[in-house]
């Protein structure tokens, strides 16, 4: 889903208000600290089980990802675009054969005793004609690439097999799995004020009422994973909204990306409103308690100023009262990416986390957003 992925990382130091990565500018380096990162690693395959076969055979891309993580050494990292495998064998292979083996250009072996992974919507058949092609695409023997894409378009989230482009949360600290929440099944129509797409040619709803009532909001899933850290319990709010492209003038992916981001805004809001619609996959309803600390992390596929997407969604999340005010993580390398000098750029290219070639240029799509109550120690891309 991207030409190049960079690592967005943050180290958090508890002491009032603040956040970021690598460096020791904070006057309290002996205080407990937590380094949190998100990384779109593009470790996926178009075939079910393909990533596991790649990892078992030896994979150069996985070695590069492991090398970066060994250098940055986050306490908690969300790996986006890591194919979901219910057996856990794929995550085992990545941990055992890559992270725990010193890599060229990396550092010492890196071990994560705890992890969280769960099913996602990508590639899961919906049984509905979501792309309005006139039929519901299903798998057939010997299908060509076009047929495979049609099948992916009719899945709850685009994917060629269940679990493609999944998520993997790795942690050096214990995870409270029993208290974790997932919102894979939440209906898009349940979100108050949902940005239901319309057909600009007719003014009618793009999705008819029967389809709209069934559509899931999350293109992968939204997770609330409590981690027991030296700073107390920190809720890792992980997601990977759909890119706001690959659609048509109805902008159905742009609308979905907007609302997938807005779900976190609703989840962390403490405005006195009841949210009986906000129910997780286990049937527990309501948002995050007002006294809970959290980190929102993942590839949110929305730049605050450049590229496609409805920028107000990410801007409103960045400006949420419960999100820490802090300097935006930067890198020196983004200025050398192709398209960095593209005319019309509005945002600072140093904030970019992904390179999308000369036509689009680098964009800031990946985020690590701690809640108020943390002090920023350092941050970087």
Protein backbone atom coordinates (compact mmCIF):
# COMPACT_ATOMS: atom_id res chain seq x y z
CA UNK A 1 0.00 0.00 0.00
CA UNK A 2 3.02 2.32 0.06
CA UNK A 3 6.25 2.68 -1.85
CA UNK A 4 8.34 3.19 1.25
CA UNK A 5 7.53 3.15 4.93
CA UNK A 6 9.41 5.02 7.64
CA UNK A 7 9.26 4.46 11.37
CA UNK A 8 7.37 6.90 13.56
CA UNK A 9 8.48 6.48 17.16
CA UNK A 10 7.87 8.16 20.50
CA UNK A 11 9.41 7.86 23.94
CA UNK A 12 7.07 8.99 26.71
CA UNK A 13 8.16 10.21 30.14
CA UNK A 14 5.50 10.56 32.82
CA UNK A 15 5.54 13.95 34.58
CA UNK A 16 2.69 16.26 33.74
CA UNK A 17 2.58 16.88 29.98
CA UNK A 18 4.85 15.95 26.98
CA UNK A 19 6.26 13.27 24.22
CA UNK A 20 8.92 11.84 21.38
CA UNK A 21 12.21 9.60 20.36
CA UNK A 22 16.03 8.95 20.54
CA UNK A 23 17.94 11.54 22.53
CA UNK A 24 18.18 12.72 26.13
CA UNK A 25 17.10 16.34 26.27
CA UNK A 26 14.75 15.79 29.20
CA UNK A 27 16.18 16.84 32.61
CA UNK A 28 14.79 13.68 34.26
CA UNK A 29 16.41 10.78 32.33
CA UNK A 30 16.33 8.54 35.40
CA UNK A 31 12.52 8.64 35.57
CA UNK A 32 10.50 5.75 34.14
CA UNK A 33 10.10 6.11 30.39
CA UNK A 34 8.16 4.32 27.70
CA UNK A 35 9.13 4.24 24.03
CA UNK A 36 6.22 3.57 21.67
CA UNK A 37 6.42 3.20 17.91
CA UNK A 38 4.29 2.46 14.89
CA UNK A 39 5.71 0.92 11.71
CA UNK A 40 3.97 0.14 8.44
CA UNK A 41 6.25 -2.75 7.52
CA UNK A 42 4.44 -3.92 4.34
CA UNK A 43 4.92 -7.53 5.42
CA UNK A 44 1.99 -9.03 3.54
CA UNK A 45 1.29 -11.47 0.74
CA UNK A 46 -1.45 -11.70 -1.89
CA UNK A 47 -1.81 -15.38 -1.02
CA UNK A 48 -3.14 -16.83 2.23
CA UNK A 49 -0.17 -18.20 4.18
CA UNK A 50 2.24 -16.49 1.82
CA UNK A 51 3.89 -14.32 4.46
CA UNK A 52 4.64 -17.34 6.65
CA UNK A 53 6.24 -19.12 3.71
CA UNK A 54 8.34 -16.03 2.98
CA UNK A 55 9.52 -15.75 6.57
CA UNK A 56 10.37 -19.44 6.83
CA UNK A 57 12.37 -19.27 3.59
CA UNK A 58 14.26 -16.12 4.61
CA UNK A 59 12.99 -12.69 3.64
CA UNK A 60 15.17 -9.64 2.93
CA UNK A 61 12.38 -7.14 3.68
CA UNK A 62 11.68 -8.73 7.06
CA UNK A 63 15.39 -8.54 7.90
CA UNK A 64 15.37 -4.80 7.14
CA UNK A 65 12.30 -4.24 9.32
CA UNK A 66 13.90 -6.22 12.15
CA UNK A 67 17.13 -4.23 11.80
CA UNK A 68 15.28 -0.92 12.22
CA UNK A 69 13.42 -2.18 15.28
CA UNK A 70 16.67 -3.47 16.79
CA UNK A 71 18.17 0.00 16.47
CA UNK A 72 15.15 1.95 17.75
CA UNK A 73 14.19 -0.70 20.36
CA UNK A 74 10.66 0.45 21.19
CA UNK A 75 9.01 -0.94 24.32
CA UNK A 76 5.75 -1.24 22.39
CA UNK A 77 5.40 -1.26 18.62
CA UNK A 78 2.40 -1.61 16.34
CA UNK A 79 3.34 -3.32 13.08
CA UNK A 80 0.84 -2.40 10.35
CA UNK A 81 0.42 -4.54 7.24
CA UNK A 82 1.45 -7.80 8.89
CA UNK A 83 -0.85 -10.56 7.63
CA UNK A 84 -3.06 -12.02 10.37
CA UNK A 85 -2.55 -15.72 11.04
CA UNK A 86 -4.91 -17.17 13.69
CA UNK A 87 -2.36 -19.85 14.60
CA UNK A 88 0.23 -17.21 15.52
CA UNK A 89 2.92 -19.05 13.53
CA UNK A 90 3.67 -16.03 11.35
CA UNK A 91 4.28 -13.79 14.36
CA UNK A 92 6.36 -16.57 15.93
CA UNK A 93 8.53 -16.80 12.82
CA UNK A 94 9.10 -13.04 12.71
CA UNK A 95 10.06 -12.96 16.39
CA UNK A 96 12.27 -16.06 16.39
CA UNK A 97 14.06 -15.81 13.02
CA UNK A 98 14.31 -12.03 12.62
CA UNK A 99 13.89 -9.95 15.79
CA UNK A 100 15.84 -12.38 17.97
CA UNK A 101 18.68 -12.65 15.44
CA UNK A 102 21.06 -9.65 15.15
CA UNK A 103 20.55 -8.20 11.66
CA UNK A 104 23.03 -6.39 9.40
CA UNK A 105 22.70 -2.70 10.17
CA UNK A 106 20.60 -3.49 13.22
CA UNK A 107 21.48 -4.00 16.85
CA UNK A 108 21.35 -6.66 19.50
CA UNK A 109 18.69 -9.33 19.45
CA UNK A 110 15.26 -7.99 20.40
CA UNK A 111 12.64 -10.04 22.23
CA UNK A 112 9.01 -9.16 22.82
CA UNK A 113 7.50 -11.55 25.39
CA UNK A 114 3.98 -10.23 24.83
CA UNK A 115 1.90 -9.63 21.73
CA UNK A 116 -1.66 -8.96 20.65
CA UNK A 117 -3.16 -9.96 17.34
CA UNK A 118 -6.78 -10.47 16.37
CA UNK A 119 -8.92 -10.91 13.24
CA UNK A 120 -9.36 -7.99 10.85
CA UNK A 121 -11.94 -7.19 8.16
CA UNK A 122 -9.59 -7.19 5.19
CA UNK A 123 -10.34 -9.98 2.74
CA UNK A 124 -13.34 -11.25 4.71
CA UNK A 125 -16.24 -11.78 2.25
CA UNK A 126 -19.22 -9.55 2.92
CA UNK A 127 -21.67 -11.31 0.62
CA UNK A 128 -22.61 -7.85 -0.69
CA UNK A 129 -21.93 -5.95 -3.91
CA UNK A 130 -19.92 -3.19 -2.23
CA UNK A 131 -18.27 -1.83 -5.39
CA UNK A 132 -21.61 -1.79 -7.29
CA UNK A 133 -20.19 -3.92 -10.10
CA UNK A 134 -23.54 -5.68 -10.50
CA UNK A 135 -22.56 -8.93 -8.82
CA UNK A 136 -21.01 -10.25 -5.63
CA UNK A 137 -17.48 -11.40 -6.45
CA UNK A 138 -16.43 -14.75 -5.00
CA UNK A 139 -13.26 -16.80 -5.29
CA UNK A 140 -13.02 -19.01 -8.38
CA UNK A 141 -10.34 -21.43 -9.48
CA UNK A 142 -7.72 -19.81 -11.70
CA UNK A 143 -9.09 -16.28 -11.32
CA UNK A 144 -7.12 -13.49 -12.95
CA UNK A 145 -5.89 -10.33 -11.23
CA UNK A 146 -9.01 -8.36 -12.19
CA UNK A 147 -11.32 -10.98 -10.67
CA UNK A 148 -9.19 -11.06 -7.53
CA UNK A 149 -9.46 -7.29 -7.15
CA UNK A 150 -13.23 -7.45 -7.58
CA UNK A 151 -13.37 -10.05 -4.82
CA UNK A 152 -11.25 -7.79 -2.65
CA UNK A 153 -13.56 -4.86 -3.34
CA UNK A 154 -16.53 -6.85 -2.04
CA UNK A 155 -14.79 -7.82 1.22
CA UNK A 156 -15.57 -5.93 4.44
CA UNK A 157 -12.14 -4.35 4.00
CA UNK A 158 -10.11 -4.56 0.81
CA UNK A 159 -7.93 -7.65 0.74
CA UNK A 160 -7.35 -10.76 -1.36
CA UNK A 161 -7.61 -13.15 1.58
CA UNK A 162 -8.85 -12.88 5.18
CA UNK A 163 -6.23 -11.15 7.31
CA UNK A 164 -4.21 -9.47 4.56
CA UNK A 165 -2.74 -6.13 5.76
CA UNK A 166 -3.43 -7.10 9.38
CA UNK A 167 -1.91 -5.66 12.57
CA UNK A 168 0.50 -6.98 15.18
CA UNK A 169 1.17 -5.31 18.54
CA UNK A 170 4.45 -6.30 20.22
CA UNK A 171 5.27 -5.37 23.80
CA UNK A 172 8.03 -5.76 26.37
CA UNK A 173 5.41 -5.19 29.06
CA UNK A 174 2.49 -7.46 30.00
CA UNK A 175 -0.71 -7.07 28.00
CA UNK A 176 -4.08 -7.31 29.73
CA UNK A 177 -5.58 -9.45 26.98
CA UNK A 178 -8.76 -10.10 28.95
CA UNK A 179 -9.56 -6.38 29.04
CA UNK A 180 -8.64 -5.68 25.41
CA UNK A 181 -11.42 -4.43 23.16
CA UNK A 182 -11.82 -4.78 19.41
CA UNK A 183 -14.29 -3.00 17.16
CA UNK A 184 -14.05 -5.14 14.03
CA UNK A 185 -17.82 -5.61 13.76
CA UNK A 186 -19.03 -2.08 14.60
CA UNK A 187 -21.47 -0.86 11.93
CA UNK A 188 -20.54 2.31 10.08
CA UNK A 189 -24.12 3.51 10.31
CA UNK A 190 -23.92 3.36 14.13
CA UNK A 191 -21.51 6.31 14.20
CA UNK A 192 -23.52 9.49 14.85
CA UNK A 193 -23.31 11.81 11.87
CA UNK A 194 -21.62 9.15 9.73
CA UNK A 195 -20.25 10.45 6.42
CA UNK A 196 -22.47 8.23 4.26
CA UNK A 197 -21.19 8.50 0.65
CA UNK A 198 -23.45 9.85 -2.09
CA UNK A 199 -23.37 9.32 -5.84
CA UNK A 200 -22.58 12.78 -7.27
CA UNK A 201 -24.17 11.86 -10.61
CA UNK A 202 -27.60 11.29 -9.04
CA UNK A 203 -27.42 12.72 -5.52
CA UNK A 204 -28.59 9.34 -4.18
CA UNK A 205 -26.82 7.36 -1.49
CA UNK A 206 -23.93 5.34 -2.93
CA UNK A 207 -24.84 2.42 -0.66
CA UNK A 208 -28.52 1.48 -0.54
CA UNK A 209 -30.24 1.20 2.82
CA UNK A 210 -29.92 -2.59 3.01
CA UNK A 211 -26.17 -2.50 2.37
CA UNK A 212 -25.57 0.59 4.52
CA UNK A 213 -27.22 -1.07 7.51
CA UNK A 214 -24.69 -3.92 7.34
CA UNK A 215 -21.44 -2.15 6.45
CA UNK A 216 -18.65 -2.32 8.99
CA UNK A 217 -16.81 0.88 9.85
CA UNK A 218 -13.30 -0.43 10.33
CA UNK A 219 -11.45 -1.53 7.21
CA UNK A 220 -9.14 -3.65 9.43
CA UNK A 221 -10.12 -3.25 13.07
CA UNK A 222 -9.85 -0.80 15.96
CA UNK A 223 -8.17 -2.15 19.09
CA UNK A 224 -7.93 -0.90 22.66
CA UNK A 225 -5.11 -2.96 24.18
CA UNK A 226 -4.21 -2.17 27.83
CA UNK A 227 -0.48 -2.61 28.55
CA UNK A 228 0.87 -2.74 32.11
CA UNK A 229 3.93 -0.50 31.96
CA UNK A 230 6.27 1.14 34.46
CA UNK A 231 4.07 4.23 34.01
CA UNK A 232 0.91 2.33 34.88
CA UNK A 233 -1.69 0.91 32.53
CA UNK A 234 -1.52 2.55 29.09
CA UNK A 235 -4.23 1.83 26.53
CA UNK A 236 -2.75 1.28 23.06
CA UNK A 237 -5.42 2.45 20.61
CA UNK A 238 -4.40 0.79 17.37
CA UNK A 239 -5.90 1.03 13.89
CA UNK A 240 -5.11 1.29 10.18
CA UNK A 241 -7.90 3.15 8.36
CA UNK A 242 -8.41 2.61 4.65
CA UNK A 243 -6.49 4.90 2.28
CA UNK A 244 -8.76 7.72 1.03
CA UNK A 245 -8.06 6.73 -2.60
CA UNK A 246 -8.81 3.80 -4.96
CA UNK A 247 -12.47 4.83 -5.34
CA UNK A 248 -14.40 7.25 -7.56
CA UNK A 249 -16.13 10.64 -7.38
CA UNK A 250 -18.36 9.30 -4.59
CA UNK A 251 -15.22 9.28 -2.37
CA UNK A 252 -16.41 6.26 -0.40
CA UNK A 253 -12.90 5.48 0.84
CA UNK A 254 -12.31 9.12 1.77
CA UNK A 255 -15.53 9.08 3.80
CA UNK A 256 -14.61 5.83 5.49
CA UNK A 257 -11.10 7.00 6.35
CA UNK A 258 -12.60 10.15 7.87
CA UNK A 259 -14.99 8.19 10.06
CA UNK A 260 -12.44 5.53 11.06
CA UNK A 261 -10.30 8.34 12.47
CA UNK A 262 -13.34 10.02 14.02
CA UNK A 263 -14.12 6.81 15.91
CA UNK A 264 -11.06 7.46 18.10
CA UNK A 265 -12.24 11.03 18.66
CA UNK A 266 -15.54 9.65 19.96
CA UNK A 267 -13.84 6.91 21.96
CA UNK A 268 -11.62 9.25 23.99
CA UNK A 269 -14.15 12.10 24.38
CA UNK A 270 -15.38 12.78 27.90
CA UNK A 271 -18.16 15.25 27.17
CA UNK A 272 -20.91 13.76 29.33
CA UNK A 273 -22.75 12.18 26.40
CA UNK A 274 -23.84 8.57 26.62
CA UNK A 275 -22.55 6.39 23.77
CA UNK A 276 -24.75 3.29 23.78
CA UNK A 277 -23.89 2.75 20.09
CA UNK A 278 -20.15 2.37 20.81
CA UNK A 279 -20.12 -1.37 21.46
CA UNK A 280 -17.12 -3.64 21.00
CA UNK A 281 -17.15 -7.14 19.56
CA UNK A 282 -17.83 -8.65 23.00
CA UNK A 283 -20.89 -6.43 23.51
CA UNK A 284 -19.33 -3.99 25.99
CA UNK A 285 -20.48 -0.44 25.25
CA UNK A 286 -19.07 3.02 25.93
CA UNK A 287 -15.78 4.84 25.41
CA UNK A 288 -12.52 5.10 27.30
CA UNK A 289 -12.77 6.18 30.96
CA UNK A 290 -11.83 9.81 31.60
CA UNK A 291 -8.90 8.88 33.86
CA UNK A 292 -7.33 6.37 31.46
CA UNK A 293 -4.00 7.13 29.80
CA UNK A 294 -3.61 6.09 26.18
CA UNK A 295 -1.51 6.24 23.04
CA UNK A 296 -3.23 6.39 19.65
CA UNK A 297 -0.94 4.71 17.13
CA UNK A 298 -1.01 3.38 13.61
CA UNK A 299 -1.01 4.23 9.94
CA UNK A 300 -4.02 6.55 9.82
CA UNK A 301 -3.61 7.30 6.10
CA UNK A 302 -4.39 11.00 6.45
CA UNK A 303 -1.99 13.93 6.25
CA UNK A 304 -3.13 17.11 8.03
CA UNK A 305 -2.41 19.31 5.02
CA UNK A 306 -1.33 17.43 1.88
CA UNK A 307 -2.43 14.52 -0.26
CA UNK A 308 -5.91 13.05 -0.55
CA UNK A 309 -8.25 12.66 2.38
CA UNK A 310 -10.58 14.75 4.47
CA UNK A 311 -7.96 16.52 6.54
CA UNK A 312 -10.38 17.77 9.19
CA UNK A 313 -10.58 14.27 10.67
CA UNK A 314 -6.91 14.02 11.59
CA UNK A 315 -6.66 17.72 12.52
CA UNK A 316 -9.55 17.35 14.99
CA UNK A 317 -7.89 14.28 16.52
CA UNK A 318 -4.55 16.07 16.86
CA UNK A 319 -6.33 18.98 18.57
CA UNK A 320 -8.48 16.83 20.88
CA UNK A 321 -8.28 18.08 24.49
CA UNK A 322 -7.12 14.68 25.74
CA UNK A 323 -4.27 14.39 23.21
CA UNK A 324 -0.91 15.72 24.33
CA UNK A 325 0.27 18.98 22.78
CA UNK A 326 3.79 18.37 21.51
CA UNK A 327 6.23 19.09 18.68
CA UNK A 328 5.57 17.00 15.58
CA UNK A 329 8.10 14.15 15.13
CA UNK A 330 10.63 14.93 12.38
CA UNK A 331 13.28 13.31 10.23
CA UNK A 332 16.11 14.74 8.16
CA UNK A 333 15.75 12.12 5.43
CA UNK A 334 12.28 13.04 4.16
CA UNK A 335 13.65 16.11 2.36
CA UNK A 336 15.58 13.78 0.05
CA UNK A 337 12.57 11.67 -0.96
CA UNK A 338 11.24 11.91 -4.49
CA UNK A 339 8.49 14.50 -4.68
CA UNK A 340 9.67 16.32 -1.57
CA UNK A 341 9.89 19.54 -3.57
CA UNK A 342 6.56 19.05 -5.34
CA UNK A 343 4.88 22.43 -6.00
CA UNK A 344 1.89 23.21 -3.83
CA UNK A 345 3.05 21.42 -0.69
CA UNK A 346 1.56 22.99 2.42
CA UNK A 347 2.97 20.90 5.25
CA UNK A 348 6.55 20.54 6.46
CA UNK A 349 8.14 17.67 4.53
CA UNK A 350 10.26 16.81 7.60
CA UNK A 351 7.09 15.50 9.26
CA UNK A 352 6.49 12.89 6.54
CA UNK A 353 6.41 9.20 7.44
CA UNK A 354 5.95 7.67 3.98
CA UNK A 355 7.29 8.26 0.47
CA UNK A 356 4.77 7.92 -2.37
CA UNK A 357 6.86 8.94 -5.37
CA UNK A 358 7.21 12.13 -7.39
CA UNK A 359 3.51 12.61 -8.19
CA UNK A 360 2.38 12.60 -4.57
CA UNK A 361 5.55 13.04 -2.58
CA UNK A 362 6.16 12.28 1.10
CA UNK A 363 3.18 12.43 3.46
CA UNK A 364 2.60 12.30 7.20
CA UNK A 365 0.31 9.29 7.61
CA UNK A 366 1.66 7.42 10.66
CA UNK A 367 1.01 8.66 14.18
CA UNK A 368 1.94 8.03 17.81
CA UNK A 369 -0.30 10.33 19.87
CA UNK A 370 -0.03 10.05 23.66
CA UNK A 371 -2.64 11.40 26.01
CA UNK A 372 -2.14 14.30 28.36
CA UNK A 373 -0.38 13.24 31.55
CA UNK A 374 2.82 12.23 29.77
CA UNK A 375 5.92 14.37 29.33
CA UNK A 376 7.57 14.23 25.96
CA UNK A 377 11.14 13.02 26.20
CA UNK A 378 11.95 12.89 22.48
CA UNK A 379 10.39 11.87 19.17
CA UNK A 380 11.39 11.13 15.62
CA UNK A 381 10.71 9.49 12.30
